[in-house]
Protein backbone atom coordinates (compact mmCIF):
# COMPACT_ATOMS: atom_id res chain seq x y z
CA MET A 1 -1.32 -35.80 -90.07
CA ASN A 2 -2.80 -32.26 -89.93
CA SER A 3 -5.45 -31.34 -92.46
CA LEU A 4 -5.75 -28.00 -94.06
CA ASP A 5 -9.13 -27.19 -95.61
CA LEU A 6 -8.99 -24.21 -98.04
CA SER A 7 -12.84 -24.09 -98.53
CA GLY A 8 -13.20 -26.99 -100.66
CA PHE A 9 -9.54 -27.99 -101.41
CA GLN A 10 -8.08 -30.44 -99.02
CA LEU A 11 -4.26 -30.44 -98.54
CA LYS A 12 -2.68 -33.14 -96.39
CA MET A 13 0.67 -32.36 -94.92
CA GLY A 14 2.86 -32.94 -91.81
CA SER A 15 2.98 -29.18 -90.83
CA PRO A 16 0.16 -26.62 -90.33
CA CYS A 17 2.10 -24.33 -92.69
CA LEU A 18 1.44 -24.28 -96.54
CA LEU A 19 4.79 -25.42 -97.22
CA ARG A 20 6.35 -28.99 -96.34
CA ALA A 21 8.82 -29.06 -93.47
CA SER A 22 10.44 -32.06 -95.05
CA ARG A 23 11.99 -32.32 -98.43
CA GLY A 24 9.74 -31.92 -101.46
CA ILE A 25 9.69 -30.45 -104.93
CA GLU A 26 12.88 -28.46 -105.56
CA VAL A 27 12.33 -24.89 -106.85
CA ASP A 28 14.53 -23.29 -109.50
CA PRO A 29 16.15 -20.24 -107.92
CA GLN A 30 17.06 -19.17 -111.62
CA ALA A 31 13.37 -18.37 -111.97
CA LEU A 32 14.09 -15.02 -110.32
CA ASN A 33 16.60 -14.18 -113.08
CA GLN A 34 13.80 -14.22 -115.81
CA GLN A 35 12.39 -11.16 -117.24
CA ALA A 36 9.85 -9.66 -114.84
CA PRO A 37 6.20 -9.04 -115.93
CA SER A 38 5.80 -5.56 -117.24
CA LEU A 39 3.16 -4.94 -114.44
CA SER A 40 5.88 -5.09 -111.95
CA GLN A 41 6.54 -1.32 -111.77
CA VAL A 42 2.85 -0.60 -111.11
CA MET A 43 2.73 -3.49 -108.46
CA GLY A 44 6.04 -2.12 -106.74
CA LYS A 45 4.15 1.35 -106.35
CA ILE A 46 0.96 -0.23 -105.04
CA LEU A 47 2.59 -2.66 -102.60
CA GLN A 48 5.61 -0.22 -101.81
CA GLN A 49 7.97 -3.04 -102.72
CA LEU A 50 10.96 -2.11 -104.83
CA ASP A 51 11.41 -5.79 -105.94
CA ALA A 52 7.78 -6.51 -106.95
CA GLY A 53 9.37 -8.16 -110.07
CA GLN A 54 11.07 -10.65 -107.79
CA LEU A 55 7.88 -11.26 -105.92
CA LEU A 56 5.89 -11.92 -109.09
CA LEU A 57 8.50 -14.29 -110.43
CA GLY A 58 8.68 -16.20 -107.18
CA LEU A 59 4.87 -16.59 -107.18
CA ASN A 60 5.16 -18.08 -110.72
CA GLU A 61 7.70 -20.54 -109.40
CA LEU A 62 5.72 -21.43 -106.16
CA PHE A 63 2.56 -22.11 -108.12
CA GLY A 64 3.88 -23.50 -111.29
CA SER A 65 3.20 -20.59 -113.75
CA ALA A 66 1.50 -17.11 -113.93
CA SER A 67 -1.66 -18.88 -115.15
CA GLU A 68 -2.32 -20.64 -111.89
CA TYR A 69 -3.01 -17.65 -109.84
CA ALA A 70 -4.72 -14.22 -109.90
CA ILE A 71 -4.34 -11.02 -107.95
CA THR A 72 -7.47 -9.96 -106.15
CA GLY A 73 -8.59 -7.62 -103.23
CA SER A 74 -7.57 -4.12 -102.65
CA THR A 75 -4.31 -4.81 -104.84
CA ALA A 76 -6.30 -5.73 -107.75
CA LEU A 77 -8.53 -2.67 -107.34
CA ALA A 78 -5.36 -0.55 -107.27
CA ILE A 79 -4.21 -2.04 -110.47
CA HIS A 80 -7.49 -1.36 -112.20
CA GLN A 81 -7.28 2.28 -110.82
CA HIS A 82 -3.88 2.67 -112.34
CA LEU A 83 -4.59 1.10 -115.67
CA ALA A 84 -7.77 3.31 -115.98
CA ASN A 85 -5.82 6.39 -115.48
CA SER A 86 -8.79 7.42 -113.10
CA GLY A 87 -6.74 9.72 -110.97
CA ALA A 88 -7.96 8.12 -107.95
CA VAL A 89 -5.61 7.43 -105.15
CA ALA A 90 -5.59 3.95 -104.24
CA ARG A 91 -5.76 2.74 -100.71
CA ALA A 92 -2.40 1.14 -99.77
CA PRO A 93 -3.07 -2.74 -99.40
CA GLY A 94 -2.04 -4.19 -96.05
CA ASP A 95 -1.23 -7.41 -97.95
CA LEU A 96 -1.61 -9.31 -101.21
CA ASP A 97 -4.28 -11.61 -101.75
CA VAL A 98 -4.06 -14.27 -104.62
CA VAL A 99 -6.52 -16.75 -105.77
CA VAL A 100 -4.80 -20.02 -106.72
CA SER A 101 -5.97 -22.99 -108.82
CA ASN A 102 -6.02 -26.30 -107.44
CA ALA A 103 -2.99 -27.29 -109.49
CA GLY A 104 -1.20 -24.30 -108.11
CA LEU A 105 -2.09 -25.44 -104.62
CA GLN A 106 -0.93 -28.90 -105.02
CA ARG A 107 2.52 -27.74 -106.23
CA LEU A 108 2.71 -25.16 -103.26
CA SER A 109 1.98 -28.04 -100.79
CA SER A 110 4.76 -30.13 -102.23
CA ILE A 111 7.54 -27.46 -101.94
CA ASP A 112 9.57 -27.53 -98.69
CA PHE A 113 10.65 -24.61 -96.64
CA SER A 114 14.21 -24.39 -97.76
CA GLY A 115 13.20 -24.37 -101.52
CA ALA A 116 10.58 -21.54 -100.93
CA ALA A 117 13.26 -19.58 -98.79
CA THR A 118 15.44 -19.37 -101.90
CA LEU A 119 12.46 -17.33 -103.58
CA GLY A 120 11.99 -15.16 -100.36
CA PHE A 121 9.10 -16.89 -98.98
CA SER A 122 8.29 -18.47 -95.61
CA CYS A 123 5.39 -19.18 -93.36
CA GLY A 124 5.06 -19.47 -89.57
CA PRO A 125 3.56 -22.46 -87.90
CA ALA A 126 0.32 -20.61 -87.16
CA GLU A 127 -0.14 -19.28 -90.65
CA LYS A 128 -2.38 -21.86 -92.43
CA GLU A 129 -3.37 -19.67 -95.39
CA SER A 130 -0.72 -17.17 -95.60
CA LEU A 131 2.88 -16.87 -96.75
CA THR A 132 5.41 -14.13 -96.03
CA TRP A 133 7.66 -12.64 -98.51
CA ARG A 134 10.71 -10.56 -97.87
CA SER A 135 13.05 -8.75 -100.08
CA PRO A 136 16.54 -7.67 -98.53
CA GLY A 137 16.20 -4.29 -96.85
CA GLN A 138 12.32 -4.15 -97.09
CA ALA A 139 9.39 -4.78 -94.89
CA GLU A 140 7.65 -8.15 -95.01
CA LEU A 141 4.64 -8.67 -97.23
CA LYS A 142 1.99 -11.04 -96.19
CA VAL A 143 0.71 -13.07 -99.01
CA ASP A 144 -2.81 -14.60 -98.42
CA VAL A 145 -3.68 -17.49 -100.48
CA ILE A 146 -7.11 -18.24 -101.34
CA SER A 147 -8.37 -21.50 -103.18
CA SER A 148 -10.10 -21.04 -106.43
CA SER A 149 -12.67 -23.51 -105.06
CA ASN A 150 -13.61 -21.07 -102.24
CA ARG A 151 -17.42 -20.37 -102.99
CA ALA A 152 -16.89 -16.65 -102.04
CA ALA A 153 -13.54 -15.25 -102.42
CA GLY A 154 -12.34 -17.71 -105.16
CA VAL A 155 -15.47 -17.11 -107.36
CA GLY A 156 -14.58 -15.92 -111.03
CA PHE A 157 -11.02 -17.13 -111.04
CA HIS A 158 -11.51 -18.45 -114.51
CA LEU A 159 -12.51 -14.91 -115.58
CA ALA A 160 -9.28 -13.26 -114.41
CA GLU A 161 -7.52 -11.52 -117.24
CA PHE A 162 -3.65 -11.04 -117.99
CA LYS A 163 -2.68 -7.52 -117.49
CA GLY A 164 1.11 -7.01 -118.10
CA GLY A 165 1.88 -10.48 -117.50
CA VAL A 166 0.00 -11.03 -114.43
CA ARG A 167 -3.69 -12.23 -114.12
CA VAL A 168 -6.02 -9.98 -112.24
CA MET A 169 -9.41 -10.60 -111.07
CA PRO A 170 -12.13 -8.31 -113.00
CA LEU A 171 -13.97 -5.47 -111.44
CA ASN A 172 -17.30 -7.19 -111.56
CA ILE A 173 -16.02 -10.12 -109.61
CA LEU A 174 -14.37 -7.81 -107.05
CA GLU A 175 -17.67 -5.97 -106.55
CA LYS A 176 -19.74 -9.20 -106.31
CA SER A 177 -17.35 -10.53 -103.64
CA LEU A 178 -17.62 -7.23 -101.62
CA ILE A 179 -21.44 -7.11 -101.89
CA SER A 180 -21.78 -10.53 -100.63
CA ARG A 181 -19.61 -9.78 -97.64
CA ALA A 182 -21.57 -6.64 -96.99
CA GLU A 183 -24.85 -8.58 -97.05
CA ASN A 184 -23.25 -10.94 -94.41
CA GLY A 185 -22.10 -8.12 -92.44
CA GLU A 186 -18.40 -8.85 -92.99
CA CYS A 187 -17.49 -5.64 -94.56
CA GLY A 188 -15.39 -3.05 -92.63
CA PRO A 189 -14.56 0.53 -93.58
CA HIS A 190 -11.78 -0.49 -95.86
CA GLN A 191 -14.01 -2.87 -97.59
CA GLU A 192 -16.73 -0.34 -97.97
CA GLU A 193 -14.26 2.19 -99.24
CA ASP A 194 -12.97 -0.38 -101.87
CA LEU A 195 -16.55 -1.22 -102.95
CA HIS A 196 -17.17 2.39 -103.48
CA ALA A 197 -13.98 2.92 -105.57
CA ILE A 198 -14.78 -0.21 -107.78
CA GLN A 199 -18.37 1.20 -108.47
CA GLN A 200 -16.91 4.48 -109.39
CA LEU A 201 -14.64 2.73 -111.93
CA MET A 202 -17.48 0.58 -113.26
CA HIS A 203 -19.93 3.35 -113.55
CA PRO A 204 -18.23 6.72 -113.91
CA VAL A 205 -20.41 9.78 -113.61
């Protein structure tokens, strides 16, 4: 058996992927027919995905509910910029980062490939901490899964707030995470740009 260690949360499975290769928990494809969160339109613009509502409903089903994960990273920053009507032009995220609770990760590890595929999700054999989501006719979107037990990127999960039906990590937690990365020499130009944008939102001139 291979072991996947998501910084404090241990998943045991027969595949290096986040999803089971063999039969596991069945997902409900009808979950995609529910009313999408009101934040879907904003998410669609940020991620350049026309079916962001389907993406969010799929994540709800994968992790069990909207309470079990929170949007973080540059997508969270772009959401805050939009809701603040700051006029700032958000940097287009290269992927979607989500912090997931232990319960959400347990459910995810119990879902098989075929079940996830009905929701538009898949993952390659080398993608131990990532999923791929695709809507027909659109580019693939990489979804990075971060354990809420992660002492760096997962810190502050319990402080995430619902905005339009989607939990989003607060600005001060995003700032703290980027400052920590900068102090460890892990910040590139994009992260430095995000940190500057966060501090502008938190401390407008």
